[in-house]
Amino acid sequence: MVVPPLDKKPKVAYPRVMTENFPNIVGQDKAKARLSFYIDKYPHSSFVPNLLFLAPRGCGKTTLAKAFAKNLASFDKATGEPKDYLEFNCAQIKNVKHFFNSIVIPHVRDKEVTILFDEASELPLDVQMVLLTILNPNDERKNVFAFEDEVFVFDFTKQTFLFATTEAQKLFHALIDRLVRVDLEEYSFSHLAEILAKKLIGVTFEDGLLQEISSVLRGNGRQAQLMANDIRSFLSTKRSKHFSRLDWNKLKTSLGINPLGLNAVEIQILKIIKERGARTLTNLSAVTGLSRECLQRDYEMYIQKAGLMEIVVAKGRSLTTKGAAYINALK
């Protein structure tokens, strides 16, 4: 299987402060430049907009949101007290009452705080409706909300709300309109190689090997971190800290790593189509024993993204030329 070359994109001159604010964040230059603008202006304005971080899984949205929040937390305000940083998983927020009793009253009211609401697509609908009022933009940068005979003042010169999700379609559209979007890009091979190198300081690689390893990581930074752990474990049995192509082949065999990082089910789907011709989703579901939703959500998306399969309304699922070559190469 031929490994695609490292991505070559024209270099853009982003502000120097971007690197200072996010020294450990690989890639995402456009997002880092925007966030650095807000950080740079924050000591003078005491305000940043409430943000919505959007990205596919494993692209570092939560990591970048945390890094941004901690940059804000490092500033001392006029009171001389640092701004706090907290994060909550939205799947744990049950309803509006829980939102106020567990988050607003103990952590937001009269506080200087930045809060990251991770997995924002899991926010209950009634909480999203409340946030429409709380986050409604205005020149005063303050909003008031009455709940259970109490009046709560949300002062966004003191408080900043950050939201992160992979599934913006699950958020109420009017809520999205009240937030400034920070869209992240999928990692390139070169960025994944850089993440690996950062996680494996002191390890040297045979020429071109980092690129080859990056090709199986599915564009996912989290997979790069897991691969770094596997390489570190492999090298723990060697005296040398050099990772060769022979080492990589041994590791691939031990872990069952396939070209482009495809898993066993994805390869099974390609083989079924190769042997039986174009298939409908219903037929693939029957043959594999997996539900239609599971096939679409967990397997077909990456196969299509890798350019191995195409879906034609009249024919169903069929292999591309690249997909046929992939299966032939496995043999």
Protein backbone atom coordinates (compact mmCIF):
# COMPACT_ATOMS: atom_id res chain seq x y z
CA MET A 1 0.00 0.00 0.00
CA VAL A 2 1.50 3.33 -1.06
CA VAL A 3 1.61 5.88 1.75
CA PRO A 4 0.45 9.35 0.68
CA PRO A 5 3.09 12.09 0.96
CA LEU A 6 3.10 14.48 3.86
CA ASP A 7 0.66 17.32 3.39
CA LYS A 8 2.17 20.35 1.76
CA LYS A 9 0.23 23.51 2.45
CA PRO A 10 1.37 27.10 1.91
CA LYS A 11 2.71 28.61 5.11
CA VAL A 12 0.71 31.46 6.60
CA ALA A 13 2.29 34.09 8.82
CA TYR A 14 0.26 33.86 12.02
CA PRO A 15 0.98 36.10 15.03
CA ARG A 16 4.01 35.20 17.14
CA VAL A 17 1.86 35.32 20.28
CA MET A 18 -0.02 32.28 18.95
CA THR A 19 2.96 30.05 19.71
CA GLU A 20 3.45 31.63 23.12
CA ASN A 21 -0.16 31.00 24.13
CA PHE A 22 -0.34 27.44 22.81
CA PRO A 23 3.21 26.03 22.87
CA ASN A 24 2.07 22.41 23.17
CA ILE A 25 -0.83 22.47 20.70
CA VAL A 26 0.04 21.00 17.30
CA GLY A 27 -1.63 22.40 14.19
CA GLN A 28 -4.97 24.28 14.24
CA ASP A 29 -3.18 27.50 13.27
CA LYS A 30 -6.32 29.40 12.23
CA ALA A 31 -8.10 28.55 15.47
CA LYS A 32 -5.03 29.41 17.56
CA ALA A 33 -4.66 32.75 15.77
CA ARG A 34 -8.27 33.69 16.54
CA LEU A 35 -7.98 32.62 20.18
CA SER A 36 -4.68 34.49 20.54
CA PHE A 37 -6.45 37.64 19.36
CA TYR A 38 -8.96 37.31 22.20
CA ILE A 39 -6.23 36.53 24.74
CA ASP A 40 -4.16 39.50 23.61
CA LYS A 41 -7.11 41.89 23.97
CA TYR A 42 -8.43 40.39 27.20
CA PRO A 43 -6.25 42.38 29.68
CA HIS A 44 -7.58 45.60 28.15
CA SER A 45 -11.21 44.68 27.50
CA SER A 46 -11.81 42.16 30.35
CA PHE A 47 -14.03 40.32 27.88
CA VAL A 48 -13.94 37.46 25.43
CA PRO A 49 -17.03 36.15 23.61
CA ASN A 50 -18.62 32.88 24.61
CA LEU A 51 -17.18 30.28 22.23
CA LEU A 52 -18.26 27.06 20.56
CA PHE A 53 -15.42 24.67 19.62
CA LEU A 54 -16.43 22.39 16.74
CA ALA A 55 -14.39 19.53 15.29
CA PRO A 56 -14.47 15.87 14.37
CA ARG A 57 -13.47 13.42 17.08
CA GLY A 58 -9.81 13.41 18.03
CA CYS A 59 -8.97 16.82 16.55
CA GLY A 60 -8.07 18.42 19.87
CA LYS A 61 -11.08 20.67 20.48
CA THR A 62 -11.25 19.95 24.22
CA THR A 63 -7.47 20.28 24.59
CA LEU A 64 -7.49 23.62 22.76
CA ALA A 65 -10.48 24.88 24.78
CA LYS A 66 -8.68 23.97 28.02
CA ALA A 67 -5.51 25.72 26.89
CA PHE A 68 -7.48 28.84 26.00
CA ALA A 69 -9.31 28.82 29.32
CA LYS A 70 -6.07 28.43 31.25
CA ASN A 71 -4.60 31.40 29.39
CA LEU A 72 -7.53 33.48 30.68
CA ALA A 73 -7.11 32.00 34.16
CA SER A 74 -3.53 33.25 34.29
CA PHE A 75 -4.60 36.89 34.20
CA ASP A 76 -5.02 38.86 37.41
CA LYS A 77 -8.03 41.14 37.29
CA ALA A 78 -8.49 44.47 39.07
CA THR A 79 -9.42 42.56 42.21
CA GLY A 80 -6.03 40.92 42.25
CA GLU A 81 -7.59 37.45 42.12
CA PRO A 82 -6.94 35.03 39.25
CA LYS A 83 -9.83 33.91 37.10
CA ASP A 84 -10.87 30.34 37.94
CA TYR A 85 -11.24 27.55 35.40
CA LEU A 86 -13.76 24.70 35.62
CA GLU A 87 -15.08 22.11 33.22
CA PHE A 88 -18.22 20.00 33.17
CA ASN A 89 -19.34 17.12 30.99
CA CYS A 90 -22.79 18.08 29.72
CA ALA A 91 -23.98 14.47 29.86
CA GLN A 92 -23.99 14.89 33.65
CA ILE A 93 -26.31 17.91 33.58
CA LYS A 94 -29.81 16.53 34.16
CA ASN A 95 -32.11 19.56 33.85
CA VAL A 96 -32.40 23.30 34.54
CA LYS A 97 -32.66 22.82 38.31
CA HIS A 98 -29.53 20.70 38.33
CA PHE A 99 -27.78 23.28 36.13
CA PHE A 100 -28.47 26.10 38.60
CA ASN A 101 -27.94 24.12 41.82
CA SER A 102 -24.78 22.32 40.74
CA ILE A 103 -23.11 24.87 38.47
CA VAL A 104 -24.51 28.40 38.58
CA ILE A 105 -25.02 28.85 42.33
CA PRO A 106 -21.75 27.30 43.58
CA HIS A 107 -19.44 28.19 40.68
CA VAL A 108 -20.78 31.11 38.62
CA ARG A 109 -22.71 33.58 40.79
CA ASP A 110 -20.45 36.47 41.83
CA LYS A 111 -17.40 34.59 40.54
CA GLU A 112 -14.62 35.33 38.05
CA VAL A 113 -14.60 32.08 36.11
CA THR A 114 -14.19 30.42 32.73
CA ILE A 115 -16.26 27.27 32.33
CA LEU A 116 -15.86 24.65 29.63
CA PHE A 117 -19.04 22.69 28.86
CA ASP A 118 -17.65 19.61 27.13
CA GLU A 119 -19.83 17.32 24.99
CA ALA A 120 -22.23 20.23 24.59
CA SER A 121 -24.50 18.21 22.29
CA GLU A 122 -25.65 16.34 25.41
CA LEU A 123 -27.12 19.47 27.02
CA PRO A 124 -30.80 18.86 27.91
CA LEU A 125 -33.18 20.87 25.76
CA ASP A 126 -34.59 22.85 28.71
CA VAL A 127 -31.04 23.94 29.66
CA GLN A 128 -30.41 25.03 26.08
CA MET A 129 -33.58 27.15 26.20
CA VAL A 130 -32.39 28.84 29.39
CA LEU A 131 -29.00 29.52 27.82
CA LEU A 132 -30.74 31.41 25.01
CA THR A 133 -31.57 34.13 27.52
CA ILE A 134 -28.37 33.90 29.55
CA LEU A 135 -26.11 34.16 26.50
CA ASN A 136 -28.12 36.70 24.50
CA PRO A 137 -25.50 39.23 23.22
CA ASN A 138 -25.86 42.89 24.21
CA ASP A 139 -23.70 45.98 24.70
CA GLU A 140 -23.76 45.70 28.48
CA ARG A 141 -22.37 42.16 28.34
CA LYS A 142 -24.71 41.20 31.17
CA ASN A 143 -27.94 39.25 31.37
CA VAL A 144 -30.42 38.57 34.15
CA PHE A 145 -32.35 35.35 34.64
CA ALA A 146 -34.97 34.58 37.30
CA PHE A 147 -35.15 31.05 38.64
CA GLU A 148 -37.14 29.80 41.63
CA ASP A 149 -37.68 33.25 43.16
CA GLU A 150 -34.03 34.22 42.76
CA VAL A 151 -32.52 36.62 40.25
CA PHE A 152 -29.16 35.66 38.77
CA VAL A 153 -26.88 38.14 37.07
CA PHE A 154 -24.51 36.76 34.45
CA ASP A 155 -21.66 39.22 33.92
CA PHE A 156 -19.59 38.23 30.90
CA THR A 157 -16.83 40.65 31.81
CA LYS A 158 -16.27 38.23 34.71
CA GLN A 159 -17.55 34.94 33.33
CA THR A 160 -16.80 33.17 30.07
CA PHE A 161 -18.65 30.10 28.82
CA LEU A 162 -16.95 27.73 26.40
CA PHE A 163 -18.73 24.84 24.66
CA ALA A 164 -17.15 21.92 22.79
CA THR A 165 -18.84 19.27 20.66
CA THR A 166 -18.47 17.09 17.59
CA GLU A 167 -22.21 17.21 16.85
CA ALA A 168 -23.38 20.77 16.45
CA GLN A 169 -26.58 19.56 14.75
CA LYS A 170 -27.85 18.42 18.15
CA LEU A 171 -27.65 21.95 19.54
CA PHE A 172 -30.57 24.33 19.12
CA HIS A 173 -29.73 26.60 16.17
CA ALA A 174 -30.53 29.77 18.13
CA LEU A 175 -28.01 28.75 20.80
CA ILE A 176 -25.30 28.30 18.17
CA ASP A 177 -26.10 31.80 16.90
CA ARG A 178 -25.28 33.23 20.34
CA LEU A 179 -21.77 31.76 20.31
CA VAL A 180 -18.66 32.49 18.29
CA ARG A 181 -17.66 29.35 16.40
CA VAL A 182 -14.10 28.07 16.53
CA ASP A 183 -13.86 25.39 13.84
CA LEU A 184 -10.96 22.99 13.98
CA GLU A 185 -9.50 21.08 11.05
CA GLU A 186 -8.73 17.39 10.91
CA TYR A 187 -5.05 16.71 11.54
CA SER A 188 -2.79 16.28 8.53
CA PHE A 189 -0.17 13.52 8.38
CA SER A 190 2.52 16.07 9.16
CA HIS A 191 0.65 17.23 12.28
CA LEU A 192 0.13 13.64 13.43
CA ALA A 193 3.84 12.98 12.94
CA GLU A 194 4.58 16.06 15.04
CA ILE A 195 2.26 14.85 17.81
CA LEU A 196 4.04 11.47 17.80
CA ALA A 197 7.43 13.15 17.97
CA LYS A 198 6.33 15.34 20.90
CA LYS A 199 5.04 12.31 22.78
CA LEU A 200 8.24 10.34 22.10
CA ILE A 201 10.98 12.79 22.98
CA GLY A 202 14.34 11.06 22.81
CA VAL A 203 13.18 8.45 20.28
CA THR A 204 14.64 8.56 16.77
CA PHE A 205 12.92 7.19 13.68
CA GLU A 206 14.10 5.75 10.40
CA ASP A 207 13.71 8.24 7.55
CA GLY A 208 10.12 8.56 6.39
CA LEU A 209 8.79 6.24 9.08
CA LEU A 210 6.85 8.87 11.02
CA GLN A 211 4.95 9.64 7.83
CA GLU A 212 4.11 5.95 7.35
CA ILE A 213 2.93 5.58 10.94
CA SER A 214 0.80 8.70 10.61
CA SER A 215 -1.07 7.17 7.67
CA VAL A 216 -2.75 4.60 9.97
CA LEU A 217 -3.93 7.10 12.60
CA ARG A 218 -7.19 8.01 10.82
CA GLY A 219 -6.52 11.76 11.14
CA ASN A 220 -7.04 11.43 14.88
CA GLY A 221 -4.75 13.07 17.42
CA ARG A 222 -6.00 10.78 20.17
CA GLN A 223 -4.89 7.80 18.09
CA ALA A 224 -1.46 9.40 17.76
CA GLN A 225 -1.16 9.53 21.56
CA LEU A 226 -2.20 5.88 21.87
CA MET A 227 0.28 4.87 19.16
CA ALA A 228 3.03 6.72 21.03
CA ASN A 229 2.23 4.59 24.08
CA ASP A 230 2.49 1.40 21.99
CA ILE A 231 5.83 2.46 20.51
CA ARG A 232 7.12 3.33 23.97
CA SER A 233 6.07 -0.11 25.23
CA PHE A 234 7.77 -1.78 22.27
CA LEU A 235 11.02 0.12 22.86
CA SER A 236 11.00 -0.75 26.56
CA THR A 237 12.29 -4.22 25.61
CA LYS A 238 15.15 -2.79 23.51
CA ARG A 239 18.39 -1.19 24.57
CA SER A 240 18.12 1.32 21.74
CA LYS A 241 15.75 4.31 21.48
CA HIS A 242 15.77 4.07 17.69
CA PHE A 243 12.55 2.88 16.04
CA SER A 244 13.24 1.25 12.69
CA ARG A 245 11.00 0.11 9.87
CA LEU A 246 11.65 -3.48 10.95
CA ASP A 247 10.40 -2.52 14.43
CA TRP A 248 7.30 -0.96 12.86
CA ASN A 249 6.55 -4.10 10.86
CA LYS A 250 6.83 -6.19 14.02
CA LEU A 251 4.53 -3.81 15.90
CA LYS A 252 1.98 -3.82 13.08
CA THR A 253 1.92 -7.61 13.13
CA SER A 254 1.58 -7.76 16.91
CA LEU A 255 -1.26 -5.23 17.04
CA GLY A 256 -3.00 -6.21 13.78
CA ILE A 257 -2.58 -2.75 12.25
CA ASN A 258 -3.88 -2.54 8.68
CA PRO A 259 -2.98 -0.01 5.95
CA LEU A 260 -4.78 3.31 6.45
CA GLY A 261 -5.72 2.11 9.94
CA LEU A 262 -8.81 0.21 8.80
CA ASN A 263 -10.29 -2.15 11.37
CA ALA A 264 -11.49 -5.73 10.82
CA VAL A 265 -15.15 -4.78 10.23
CA GLU A 266 -14.26 -2.12 7.67
CA ILE A 267 -12.15 -4.64 5.78
CA GLN A 268 -14.97 -7.19 6.03
CA ILE A 269 -17.36 -4.68 4.42
CA LEU A 270 -14.92 -4.04 1.57
CA LYS A 271 -14.40 -7.77 1.02
CA ILE A 272 -18.16 -8.42 0.89
CA ILE A 273 -18.59 -5.76 -1.78
CA LYS A 274 -15.55 -7.05 -3.66
CA GLU A 275 -16.89 -10.63 -3.70
CA ARG A 276 -20.60 -9.95 -4.20
CA GLY A 277 -20.72 -6.66 -6.06
CA ALA A 278 -22.59 -3.49 -5.11
CA ARG A 279 -24.68 -3.90 -1.95
CA THR A 280 -27.54 -2.00 -0.37
CA LEU A 281 -27.18 -0.87 3.23
CA THR A 282 -29.91 -3.33 4.23
CA ASN A 283 -28.04 -6.19 2.61
CA LEU A 284 -24.76 -5.23 4.29
CA SER A 285 -26.60 -5.11 7.59
CA ALA A 286 -27.95 -8.62 7.05
CA VAL A 287 -24.58 -10.06 6.01
CA THR A 288 -22.52 -8.44 8.76
CA GLY A 289 -25.13 -8.70 11.53
CA LEU A 290 -24.70 -5.01 12.30
CA SER A 291 -27.51 -2.47 12.34
CA ARG A 292 -27.86 0.06 9.54
CA GLU A 293 -27.21 2.89 11.99
CA CYS A 294 -24.06 1.19 13.29
CA LEU A 295 -22.70 0.64 9.79
CA GLN A 296 -23.31 4.24 8.77
CA ARG A 297 -22.05 5.84 11.97
CA ASP A 298 -19.09 3.66 12.90
CA TYR A 299 -17.72 2.19 9.67
CA GLU A 300 -18.92 3.61 6.37
CA MET A 301 -17.89 7.19 7.06
CA TYR A 302 -14.19 6.38 7.36
CA ILE A 303 -14.22 3.96 4.41
CA GLN A 304 -15.68 6.73 2.24
CA LYS A 305 -13.33 9.31 3.66
CA ALA A 306 -10.40 7.06 2.72
CA GLY A 307 -11.76 6.93 -0.84
CA LEU A 308 -12.29 3.17 -0.80
CA MET A 309 -16.07 3.04 -1.26
CA GLU A 310 -18.71 5.12 -2.96
CA ILE A 311 -22.49 5.21 -2.59
CA VAL A 312 -24.58 5.56 -5.72
CA VAL A 313 -28.34 5.78 -5.23
CA ALA A 314 -29.17 3.37 -8.03
CA LYS A 315 -26.43 0.83 -7.24
CA GLY A 316 -25.81 1.07 -3.51
CA ARG A 317 -22.36 0.59 -1.95
CA SER A 318 -19.55 -0.21 -4.38
CA LEU A 319 -15.76 -0.18 -4.30
CA THR A 320 -13.75 2.57 -5.91
CA THR A 321 -10.67 1.72 -7.92
CA LYS A 322 -8.65 2.56 -4.85
CA GLY A 323 -10.83 0.28 -2.72
CA ALA A 324 -10.38 -2.66 -5.10
CA ALA A 325 -6.62 -2.08 -5.09
CA TYR A 326 -6.65 -1.99 -1.31
CA ILE A 327 -8.31 -5.42 -1.02
CA ASN A 328 -6.05 -6.90 -3.71
CA ALA A 329 -2.98 -5.61 -1.87
CA LEU A 330 -4.12 -7.31 1.35
CA LYS A 331 -4.07 -10.67 -0.42
